[in-house]
Amino acid sequence: MPTKEAKALTKSPLSKKDLEMFRKLLEAKRVQALEEIEAMREQIEDQREHEGDSAYSFHMADAGTDAMEREKLYLMIARQQKYVGYVDRALDRIANGTYGICKVTGKAIPKERLLAVPHTEISMEAKKKQQKGRGGE
């Protein structure tokens, strides 16, 4: 909920041209993330198919390494899926005309910040306040 410090914006401060540019950028990032998720899933499937294909004896250390690699892939998939969710919400904000408005302060998010982190929902001002409140994490 925006603070009362400044009048909260209700419509995106960006031009239609800028919104279209960000929409295309976000859609490309979404496609890329989904492709990476699919590649990681295929890697997990390949590992499963090749378990026990070795002519050498199966060693517990090898099994541990394989399990650790699989776990890392699952974590990376989860991270990418979370990122896709952020991108989807940003695309929704473009569609409903609220993209580029900080959800904390209600002020415009500078275009430079949106270019650096196009899926962001908050300004650097709000981000710094959040970090201060958490003890500077």
N, C-alpha and C. Protein backbone atom coordinates (compact mmCIF):
# COMPACT_ATOMS: atom_id res chain seq x y z
N MET A 1 0.85 -1.17 0.00
CA MET A 1 0.00 0.00 0.00
C MET A 1 0.90 1.24 0.00
N PRO A 2 0.70 2.17 -0.95
CA PRO A 2 1.54 3.36 -1.03
C PRO A 2 1.41 4.23 0.21
N THR A 3 2.51 4.87 0.57
CA THR A 3 2.50 5.78 1.70
C THR A 3 1.83 7.08 1.29
N LYS A 4 1.54 7.94 2.27
CA LYS A 4 0.87 9.21 2.00
C LYS A 4 1.86 10.34 1.74
N GLU A 5 3.18 10.02 1.63
CA GLU A 5 4.20 11.04 1.41
C GLU A 5 3.94 11.85 0.14
N ALA A 6 3.54 11.20 -0.90
CA ALA A 6 3.29 11.87 -2.17
C ALA A 6 2.03 11.26 -2.77
N LYS A 7 1.40 12.04 -3.63
CA LYS A 7 0.19 11.53 -4.30
C LYS A 7 0.56 10.31 -5.13
N ALA A 8 -0.12 9.22 -4.88
CA ALA A 8 0.16 7.97 -5.58
C ALA A 8 -0.33 8.04 -7.02
N LEU A 9 0.47 7.50 -7.91
CA LEU A 9 0.09 7.42 -9.32
C LEU A 9 -0.89 6.27 -9.49
N THR A 10 -1.78 6.41 -10.45
CA THR A 10 -2.72 5.33 -10.74
C THR A 10 -2.53 4.81 -12.15
N LYS A 11 -1.85 5.57 -13.00
CA LYS A 11 -1.59 5.15 -14.37
C LYS A 11 -0.09 5.20 -14.62
N SER A 12 0.38 4.30 -15.43
CA SER A 12 1.80 4.20 -15.73
C SER A 12 2.35 5.53 -16.23
N PRO A 13 3.51 5.93 -15.71
CA PRO A 13 4.13 7.18 -16.16
C PRO A 13 4.86 7.03 -17.51
N LEU A 14 4.89 5.81 -18.05
CA LEU A 14 5.63 5.54 -19.28
C LEU A 14 4.76 5.75 -20.51
N SER A 15 5.40 6.11 -21.60
CA SER A 15 4.68 6.29 -22.86
C SER A 15 4.26 4.93 -23.42
N LYS A 16 3.34 4.94 -24.38
CA LYS A 16 2.90 3.69 -25.01
C LYS A 16 4.07 3.01 -25.70
N LYS A 17 4.95 3.79 -26.28
CA LYS A 17 6.15 3.25 -26.96
C LYS A 17 7.04 2.54 -25.95
N ASP A 18 7.27 3.19 -24.80
CA ASP A 18 8.10 2.57 -23.75
C ASP A 18 7.44 1.30 -23.21
N LEU A 19 6.14 1.36 -22.99
CA LEU A 19 5.44 0.18 -22.48
C LEU A 19 5.55 -0.98 -23.46
N GLU A 20 5.45 -0.70 -24.74
CA GLU A 20 5.57 -1.75 -25.76
C GLU A 20 6.99 -2.32 -25.76
N MET A 21 7.98 -1.46 -25.61
CA MET A 21 9.38 -1.90 -25.56
C MET A 21 9.59 -2.82 -24.35
N PHE A 22 9.06 -2.44 -23.18
CA PHE A 22 9.20 -3.26 -21.97
C PHE A 22 8.42 -4.57 -22.12
N ARG A 23 7.25 -4.52 -22.75
CA ARG A 23 6.47 -5.74 -22.96
C ARG A 23 7.26 -6.74 -23.79
N LYS A 24 7.88 -6.26 -24.88
CA LYS A 24 8.67 -7.15 -25.73
C LYS A 24 9.89 -7.69 -24.98
N LEU A 25 10.54 -6.84 -24.21
CA LEU A 25 11.70 -7.25 -23.42
C LEU A 25 11.31 -8.34 -22.41
N LEU A 26 10.21 -8.11 -21.70
CA LEU A 26 9.75 -9.08 -20.70
C LEU A 26 9.32 -10.39 -21.34
N GLU A 27 8.65 -10.31 -22.48
CA GLU A 27 8.24 -11.54 -23.16
C GLU A 27 9.45 -12.34 -23.61
N ALA A 28 10.50 -11.66 -24.08
CA ALA A 28 11.73 -12.35 -24.49
C ALA A 28 12.40 -13.01 -23.28
N LYS A 29 12.43 -12.30 -22.16
CA LYS A 29 13.03 -12.86 -20.94
C LYS A 29 12.22 -14.06 -20.45
N ARG A 30 10.91 -14.00 -20.61
CA ARG A 30 10.04 -15.11 -20.20
C ARG A 30 10.33 -16.35 -21.05
N VAL A 31 10.42 -16.16 -22.37
CA VAL A 31 10.71 -17.28 -23.27
C VAL A 31 12.07 -17.89 -22.93
N GLN A 32 13.06 -17.04 -22.70
CA GLN A 32 14.40 -17.51 -22.37
C GLN A 32 14.38 -18.32 -21.07
N ALA A 33 13.69 -17.83 -20.06
CA ALA A 33 13.62 -18.53 -18.77
C ALA A 33 12.92 -19.88 -18.93
N LEU A 34 11.84 -19.92 -19.71
CA LEU A 34 11.14 -21.19 -19.92
C LEU A 34 12.00 -22.18 -20.69
N GLU A 35 12.80 -21.69 -21.64
CA GLU A 35 13.72 -22.57 -22.36
C GLU A 35 14.78 -23.14 -21.43
N GLU A 36 15.28 -22.31 -20.51
CA GLU A 36 16.27 -22.76 -19.54
C GLU A 36 15.67 -23.82 -18.61
N ILE A 37 14.43 -23.61 -18.20
CA ILE A 37 13.75 -24.59 -17.35
C ILE A 37 13.64 -25.92 -18.08
N GLU A 38 13.24 -25.87 -19.33
CA GLU A 38 13.09 -27.10 -20.12
C GLU A 38 14.44 -27.81 -20.28
N ALA A 39 15.50 -27.05 -20.54
CA ALA A 39 16.84 -27.64 -20.70
C ALA A 39 17.28 -28.31 -19.40
N MET A 40 17.01 -27.68 -18.26
CA MET A 40 17.39 -28.28 -16.98
C MET A 40 16.58 -29.55 -16.70
N ARG A 41 15.31 -29.54 -17.06
CA ARG A 41 14.49 -30.75 -16.88
C ARG A 41 15.01 -31.89 -17.75
N GLU A 42 15.43 -31.56 -18.97
CA GLU A 42 16.00 -32.59 -19.85
C GLU A 42 17.30 -33.13 -19.28
N GLN A 43 18.09 -32.26 -18.67
CA GLN A 43 19.34 -32.68 -18.04
C GLN A 43 19.07 -33.66 -16.90
N ILE A 44 18.04 -33.37 -16.11
CA ILE A 44 17.67 -34.28 -15.01
C ILE A 44 17.23 -35.62 -15.58
N GLU A 45 16.43 -35.57 -16.64
CA GLU A 45 15.94 -36.81 -17.26
C GLU A 45 17.10 -37.61 -17.84
N ASP A 46 18.07 -36.92 -18.46
CA ASP A 46 19.25 -37.61 -19.00
C ASP A 46 20.04 -38.29 -17.89
N GLN A 47 20.19 -37.60 -16.76
CA GLN A 47 20.91 -38.19 -15.63
C GLN A 47 20.21 -39.45 -15.14
N ARG A 48 18.89 -39.38 -15.08
CA ARG A 48 18.13 -40.55 -14.62
C ARG A 48 18.29 -41.72 -15.57
N GLU A 49 18.28 -41.45 -16.87
CA GLU A 49 18.39 -42.51 -17.88
C GLU A 49 19.76 -43.17 -17.85
N HIS A 50 20.79 -42.40 -17.49
CA HIS A 50 22.15 -42.92 -17.53
C HIS A 50 22.65 -43.47 -16.20
N GLU A 51 21.79 -43.43 -15.18
CA GLU A 51 22.19 -44.02 -13.90
C GLU A 51 22.35 -45.53 -14.10
N GLY A 52 23.46 -46.04 -13.68
CA GLY A 52 23.68 -47.47 -13.77
C GLY A 52 24.15 -47.95 -15.14
N ASP A 53 24.43 -47.01 -16.08
CA ASP A 53 24.91 -47.39 -17.40
C ASP A 53 26.40 -47.71 -17.40
N SER A 54 27.07 -47.39 -16.32
CA SER A 54 28.52 -47.55 -16.26
C SER A 54 28.91 -49.03 -16.15
N ALA A 55 30.03 -49.39 -16.82
CA ALA A 55 30.56 -50.75 -16.72
C ALA A 55 31.33 -50.93 -15.41
N TYR A 56 31.66 -49.79 -14.77
CA TYR A 56 32.38 -49.83 -13.50
C TYR A 56 31.39 -50.02 -12.36
N SER A 57 31.91 -50.41 -11.25
CA SER A 57 31.04 -50.63 -10.09
C SER A 57 30.45 -49.28 -9.64
N PHE A 58 29.26 -49.35 -9.13
CA PHE A 58 28.56 -48.16 -8.65
C PHE A 58 29.12 -47.79 -7.29
N HIS A 59 29.59 -46.58 -7.15
CA HIS A 59 30.21 -46.14 -5.91
C HIS A 59 29.30 -45.14 -5.20
N MET A 60 29.25 -45.21 -3.88
CA MET A 60 28.38 -44.31 -3.11
C MET A 60 28.73 -42.85 -3.32
N ALA A 61 30.00 -42.54 -3.48
CA ALA A 61 30.40 -41.14 -3.70
C ALA A 61 29.85 -40.63 -5.03
N ASP A 62 29.85 -41.50 -6.05
CA ASP A 62 29.27 -41.11 -7.34
C ASP A 62 27.78 -40.86 -7.21
N ALA A 63 27.12 -41.70 -6.45
CA ALA A 63 25.68 -41.53 -6.23
C ALA A 63 25.41 -40.22 -5.51
N GLY A 64 26.23 -39.89 -4.54
CA GLY A 64 26.09 -38.63 -3.80
C GLY A 64 26.28 -37.43 -4.70
N THR A 65 27.28 -37.49 -5.57
CA THR A 65 27.54 -36.40 -6.50
C THR A 65 26.36 -36.23 -7.45
N ASP A 66 25.85 -37.33 -7.97
CA ASP A 66 24.70 -37.27 -8.88
C ASP A 66 23.49 -36.66 -8.18
N ALA A 67 23.25 -37.08 -6.95
CA ALA A 67 22.10 -36.55 -6.20
C ALA A 67 22.26 -35.06 -5.95
N MET A 68 23.48 -34.64 -5.64
CA MET A 68 23.73 -33.22 -5.39
C MET A 68 23.52 -32.39 -6.67
N GLU A 69 23.99 -32.91 -7.79
CA GLU A 69 23.80 -32.22 -9.07
C GLU A 69 22.32 -32.10 -9.41
N ARG A 70 21.58 -33.17 -9.16
CA ARG A 70 20.14 -33.16 -9.42
C ARG A 70 19.45 -32.13 -8.53
N GLU A 71 19.84 -32.10 -7.27
CA GLU A 71 19.25 -31.14 -6.33
C GLU A 71 19.53 -29.70 -6.77
N LYS A 72 20.75 -29.44 -7.23
CA LYS A 72 21.07 -28.10 -7.73
C LYS A 72 20.19 -27.73 -8.92
N LEU A 73 19.97 -28.68 -9.80
CA LEU A 73 19.10 -28.43 -10.96
C LEU A 73 17.67 -28.13 -10.51
N TYR A 74 17.17 -28.89 -9.55
CA TYR A 74 15.82 -28.63 -9.04
C TYR A 74 15.72 -27.22 -8.43
N LEU A 75 16.75 -26.81 -7.69
CA LEU A 75 16.75 -25.47 -7.10
C LEU A 75 16.80 -24.39 -8.18
N MET A 76 17.59 -24.62 -9.23
CA MET A 76 17.67 -23.64 -10.32
C MET A 76 16.34 -23.57 -11.08
N ILE A 77 15.68 -24.71 -11.24
CA ILE A 77 14.37 -24.71 -11.89
C ILE A 77 13.37 -23.91 -11.05
N ALA A 78 13.38 -24.13 -9.75
CA ALA A 78 12.46 -23.40 -8.86
C ALA A 78 12.73 -21.90 -8.93
N ARG A 79 13.99 -21.54 -8.98
CA ARG A 79 14.35 -20.12 -9.07
C ARG A 79 13.85 -19.52 -10.38
N GLN A 80 14.04 -20.23 -11.47
CA GLN A 80 13.58 -19.74 -12.77
C GLN A 80 12.06 -19.65 -12.81
N GLN A 81 11.37 -20.60 -12.19
CA GLN A 81 9.91 -20.56 -12.16
C GLN A 81 9.43 -19.34 -11.38
N LYS A 82 10.11 -19.03 -10.29
CA LYS A 82 9.78 -17.85 -9.50
C LYS A 82 10.00 -16.59 -10.34
N TYR A 83 11.09 -16.55 -11.09
CA TYR A 83 11.39 -15.43 -11.97
C TYR A 83 10.29 -15.27 -13.03
N VAL A 84 9.84 -16.37 -13.61
CA VAL A 84 8.77 -16.32 -14.61
C VAL A 84 7.51 -15.70 -13.98
N GLY A 85 7.25 -16.02 -12.73
CA GLY A 85 6.11 -15.42 -12.02
C GLY A 85 6.26 -13.91 -11.90
N TYR A 86 7.47 -13.44 -11.58
CA TYR A 86 7.71 -12.00 -11.51
C TYR A 86 7.48 -11.36 -12.88
N VAL A 87 7.97 -12.00 -13.93
CA VAL A 87 7.82 -11.48 -15.28
C VAL A 87 6.33 -11.44 -15.66
N ASP A 88 5.61 -12.50 -15.33
CA ASP A 88 4.16 -12.53 -15.62
C ASP A 88 3.43 -11.39 -14.92
N ARG A 89 3.79 -11.13 -13.67
CA ARG A 89 3.14 -10.02 -12.94
C ARG A 89 3.48 -8.68 -13.59
N ALA A 90 4.71 -8.54 -14.07
CA ALA A 90 5.09 -7.30 -14.75
C ALA A 90 4.29 -7.14 -16.04
N LEU A 91 4.11 -8.23 -16.78
CA LEU A 91 3.30 -8.18 -18.00
C LEU A 91 1.85 -7.83 -17.67
N ASP A 92 1.34 -8.33 -16.56
CA ASP A 92 -0.02 -7.98 -16.12
C ASP A 92 -0.11 -6.48 -15.81
N ARG A 93 0.94 -5.93 -15.17
CA ARG A 93 0.93 -4.50 -14.85
C ARG A 93 0.97 -3.66 -16.14
N ILE A 94 1.67 -4.14 -17.15
CA ILE A 94 1.66 -3.43 -18.43
C ILE A 94 0.25 -3.46 -19.00
N ALA A 95 -0.37 -4.62 -18.97
CA ALA A 95 -1.72 -4.77 -19.52
C ALA A 95 -2.76 -3.91 -18.79
N ASN A 96 -2.61 -3.80 -17.45
CA ASN A 96 -3.61 -3.02 -16.73
C ASN A 96 -3.21 -1.55 -16.51
N GLY A 97 -2.06 -1.16 -17.07
CA GLY A 97 -1.66 0.25 -17.05
C GLY A 97 -1.00 0.72 -15.77
N THR A 98 -0.48 -0.19 -14.95
CA THR A 98 0.17 0.23 -13.71
C THR A 98 1.67 -0.06 -13.69
N TYR A 99 2.22 -0.48 -14.83
CA TYR A 99 3.65 -0.79 -14.90
C TYR A 99 4.46 0.48 -14.68
N GLY A 100 5.51 0.38 -13.87
CA GLY A 100 6.38 1.53 -13.62
C GLY A 100 5.98 2.35 -12.41
N ILE A 101 5.00 1.85 -11.65
CA ILE A 101 4.57 2.53 -10.43
C ILE A 101 5.02 1.68 -9.25
N CYS A 102 5.74 2.29 -8.32
CA CYS A 102 6.22 1.58 -7.13
C CYS A 102 5.03 1.18 -6.26
N LYS A 103 4.97 -0.10 -5.91
CA LYS A 103 3.85 -0.58 -5.09
C LYS A 103 3.98 -0.14 -3.63
N VAL A 104 5.15 0.36 -3.24
CA VAL A 104 5.35 0.81 -1.86
C VAL A 104 5.08 2.31 -1.73
N THR A 105 5.70 3.10 -2.61
CA THR A 105 5.59 4.56 -2.50
C THR A 105 4.49 5.15 -3.37
N GLY A 106 4.09 4.44 -4.42
CA GLY A 106 3.10 4.96 -5.35
C GLY A 106 3.69 5.94 -6.35
N LYS A 107 5.01 6.11 -6.31
CA LYS A 107 5.70 7.03 -7.23
C LYS A 107 6.18 6.26 -8.46
N ALA A 108 6.56 7.04 -9.47
CA ALA A 108 7.10 6.43 -10.69
C ALA A 108 8.45 5.78 -10.39
N ILE A 109 8.66 4.60 -10.97
CA ILE A 109 9.96 3.94 -10.90
C ILE A 109 10.77 4.48 -12.07
N PRO A 110 11.98 4.99 -11.81
CA PRO A 110 12.79 5.54 -12.91
C PRO A 110 13.01 4.51 -14.03
N LYS A 111 13.01 5.01 -15.25
CA LYS A 111 13.17 4.14 -16.42
C LYS A 111 14.49 3.37 -16.35
N GLU A 112 15.53 3.98 -15.80
CA GLU A 112 16.83 3.31 -15.68
C GLU A 112 16.72 2.05 -14.82
N ARG A 113 15.94 2.15 -13.74
CA ARG A 113 15.74 0.98 -12.86
C ARG A 113 14.97 -0.11 -13.61
N LEU A 114 13.96 0.30 -14.35
CA LEU A 114 13.16 -0.67 -15.11
C LEU A 114 14.00 -1.35 -16.19
N LEU A 115 14.93 -0.61 -16.78
CA LEU A 115 15.81 -1.22 -17.78
C LEU A 115 16.75 -2.24 -17.13
N ALA A 116 17.20 -1.93 -15.91
CA ALA A 116 18.10 -2.85 -15.20
C ALA A 116 17.35 -4.07 -14.67
N VAL A 117 16.15 -3.85 -14.13
CA VAL A 117 15.35 -4.92 -13.54
C VAL A 117 13.90 -4.73 -14.03
N PRO A 118 13.62 -5.17 -15.26
CA PRO A 118 12.31 -4.87 -15.86
C PRO A 118 11.11 -5.47 -15.12
N HIS A 119 11.32 -6.48 -14.29
CA HIS A 119 10.20 -7.09 -13.57
C HIS A 119 9.97 -6.47 -12.19
N THR A 120 10.75 -5.43 -11.84
CA THR A 120 10.65 -4.86 -10.49
C THR A 120 9.28 -4.24 -10.23
N GLU A 121 8.89 -4.29 -8.98
CA GLU A 121 7.63 -3.68 -8.54
C GLU A 121 7.87 -2.48 -7.64
N ILE A 122 9.15 -2.28 -7.26
CA ILE A 122 9.45 -1.20 -6.32
C ILE A 122 10.64 -0.37 -6.78
N SER A 123 10.66 0.87 -6.32
CA SER A 123 11.75 1.79 -6.64
C SER A 123 12.96 1.49 -5.75
N MET A 124 14.08 2.08 -6.08
CA MET A 124 15.28 1.91 -5.25
C MET A 124 15.05 2.52 -3.87
N GLU A 125 14.33 3.62 -3.82
CA GLU A 125 14.00 4.27 -2.55
C GLU A 125 13.28 3.27 -1.62
N ALA A 126 12.29 2.59 -2.15
CA ALA A 126 11.54 1.61 -1.36
C ALA A 126 12.41 0.41 -1.01
N LYS A 127 13.24 -0.02 -1.96
CA LYS A 127 14.13 -1.17 -1.73
C LYS A 127 15.09 -0.87 -0.58
N LYS A 128 15.66 0.34 -0.58
CA LYS A 128 16.59 0.72 0.49
C LYS A 128 15.88 0.76 1.85
N LYS A 129 14.63 1.26 1.87
CA LYS A 129 13.87 1.29 3.12
C LYS A 129 13.61 -0.13 3.62
N GLN A 130 13.28 -1.04 2.70
CA GLN A 130 13.04 -2.43 3.08
C GLN A 130 14.30 -3.06 3.66
N GLN A 131 15.45 -2.79 3.03
CA GLN A 131 16.70 -3.37 3.52
C GLN A 131 17.09 -2.80 4.86
N LYS A 132 16.83 -1.52 5.08
CA LYS A 132 17.11 -0.90 6.37
C LYS A 132 16.27 -1.54 7.46
N GLY A 133 15.01 -1.80 7.14
CA GLY A 133 14.09 -2.42 8.09
C GLY A 133 14.47 -3.84 8.45
N ARG A 134 15.23 -4.50 7.56
CA ARG A 134 15.67 -5.88 7.81
C ARG A 134 17.07 -5.93 8.40
N GLY A 135 17.61 -4.80 8.72
CA GLY A 135 18.95 -4.79 9.30
C GLY A 135 20.03 -4.80 8.23
N GLY A 136 19.70 -4.31 7.03
CA GLY A 136 20.70 -4.20 5.98
C GLY A 136 21.08 -5.48 5.29
N GLU A 137 20.18 -6.46 5.26
CA GLU A 137 20.47 -7.75 4.60
C GLU A 137 20.81 -7.55 3.16
